[in-house]
């Protein structure tokens, strides 16, 4: 990885998008402070369990309202560069949007 994220974003985790960019608009994501607690688990554990890794509806809604601590890109380096450029990437003021499923 040639992009060098600032220390305030560490650890940064890069993962391949389950949906290959259909919802995220990038094949890879970069997650700032991946080991920070979120909803009773780490950010990365939550992301691998739900959000962008959930079913199609959950993933689509997630990316419409994605937190500032995740970004996507066409390559791992592009995802990290996008994360670095994203305002608020080191913040934690975000709650998951409600997922409404039609009956």
Protein backbone atom coordinates (compact mmCIF):
# COMPACT_ATOMS: atom_id res chain seq x y z
CA UNK A 1 0.00 0.00 0.00
CA UNK A 2 1.65 3.24 -1.11
CA UNK A 3 -0.87 5.60 0.53
CA UNK A 4 0.33 6.55 3.98
CA UNK A 5 -2.60 7.36 6.29
CA UNK A 6 -1.97 9.73 9.20
CA UNK A 7 -1.56 8.18 12.66
CA UNK A 8 -5.00 9.45 13.77
CA UNK A 9 -6.61 6.96 11.35
CA UNK A 10 -4.60 3.90 12.46
CA UNK A 11 -5.13 1.04 12.32
CA UNK A 12 -6.51 1.24 8.79
CA UNK A 13 -7.94 -1.99 7.42
CA UNK A 14 -8.44 -2.56 3.71
CA UNK A 15 -10.95 -5.19 2.56
CA UNK A 16 -12.44 -6.28 -0.74
CA UNK A 17 -16.07 -5.27 -1.13
CA UNK A 18 -18.47 -8.21 -1.02
CA UNK A 19 -20.60 -6.64 -3.75
CA UNK A 20 -17.61 -5.64 -5.92
CA UNK A 21 -18.52 -1.96 -5.88
CA UNK A 22 -22.18 -2.23 -6.87
CA UNK A 23 -23.25 -0.12 -3.85
CA UNK A 24 -19.94 1.36 -2.66
CA UNK A 25 -18.72 2.41 -6.12
CA UNK A 26 -15.35 0.80 -5.43
CA UNK A 27 -14.06 -2.78 -5.24
CA UNK A 28 -12.12 -2.07 -2.03
CA UNK A 29 -12.86 -0.29 1.22
CA UNK A 30 -10.56 1.32 3.74
CA UNK A 31 -11.68 1.61 7.37
CA UNK A 32 -10.11 4.11 9.78
CA UNK A 33 -9.50 3.05 13.38
CA UNK A 34 -10.73 -0.44 12.52
CA UNK A 35 -10.31 -1.68 16.08
CA UNK A 36 -12.49 1.05 17.66
CA UNK A 37 -15.62 -0.22 19.45
CA UNK A 38 -18.89 0.12 17.58
CA UNK A 39 -22.26 -1.38 18.56
CA UNK A 40 -20.68 -3.92 20.92
CA UNK A 41 -17.90 -5.05 18.54
CA UNK A 42 -15.05 -3.48 16.63
CA UNK A 43 -15.79 -1.40 13.56
CA UNK A 44 -14.36 -4.04 11.26
CA UNK A 45 -16.28 -6.87 12.95
CA UNK A 46 -19.51 -4.86 12.59
CA UNK A 47 -18.73 -4.08 8.95
CA UNK A 48 -18.05 -7.74 8.17
CA UNK A 49 -21.26 -8.78 9.92
CA UNK A 50 -23.70 -6.14 8.68
CA UNK A 51 -23.58 -2.76 6.92
CA UNK A 52 -21.73 -3.20 3.63
CA UNK A 53 -21.50 -6.96 4.15
CA UNK A 54 -25.19 -7.45 4.91
CA UNK A 55 -27.90 -8.34 2.43
CA UNK A 56 -28.47 -6.20 -0.67
CA UNK A 57 -30.90 -3.79 1.02
CA UNK A 58 -28.67 -3.31 4.06
CA UNK A 59 -25.58 -2.73 1.90
CA UNK A 60 -27.38 -0.25 -0.37
CA UNK A 61 -28.73 1.76 2.58
CA UNK A 62 -25.36 1.65 4.34
CA UNK A 63 -23.52 3.17 1.39
CA UNK A 64 -26.16 5.88 0.96
CA UNK A 65 -25.42 6.99 4.54
CA UNK A 66 -21.89 5.66 5.10
CA UNK A 67 -19.90 6.87 8.10
CA UNK A 68 -16.92 9.13 7.49
CA UNK A 69 -14.55 6.41 8.76
CA UNK A 70 -15.00 4.20 5.68
CA UNK A 71 -14.25 4.94 2.05
CA UNK A 72 -14.10 2.92 -1.14
CA UNK A 73 -11.90 2.88 -4.20
CA UNK A 74 -11.04 0.92 -7.33
CA UNK A 75 -7.86 -0.44 -5.67
CA UNK A 76 -6.58 -0.76 -2.10
CA UNK A 77 -4.46 2.38 -2.57
CA UNK A 78 -7.40 4.30 -4.04
CA UNK A 79 -9.60 3.31 -1.08
CA UNK A 80 -6.96 4.51 1.41
CA UNK A 81 -6.44 7.75 -0.54
CA UNK A 82 -10.20 8.33 -0.53
CA UNK A 83 -10.31 7.71 3.22
CA UNK A 84 -7.46 10.16 3.85
CA UNK A 85 -9.25 12.82 1.79
CA UNK A 86 -12.60 12.28 3.49
CA UNK A 87 -13.59 14.94 6.05
CA UNK A 88 -14.18 13.48 9.50
CA UNK A 89 -12.45 10.16 8.77
CA UNK A 90 -11.04 10.02 12.29
CA UNK A 91 -14.38 10.77 13.97
CA UNK A 92 -16.91 8.51 15.60
CA UNK A 93 -20.13 10.52 15.47
CA UNK A 94 -22.27 8.19 13.33
CA UNK A 95 -25.18 5.84 13.84
CA UNK A 96 -26.38 3.22 11.36
CA UNK A 97 -29.46 4.27 9.38
CA UNK A 98 -32.69 2.37 9.96
CA UNK A 99 -33.28 -0.40 7.44
CA UNK A 100 -36.88 -0.54 6.27
CA UNK A 101 -37.91 -3.73 4.53
CA UNK A 102 -41.19 -3.93 2.67
CA UNK A 103 -43.45 -6.67 4.06
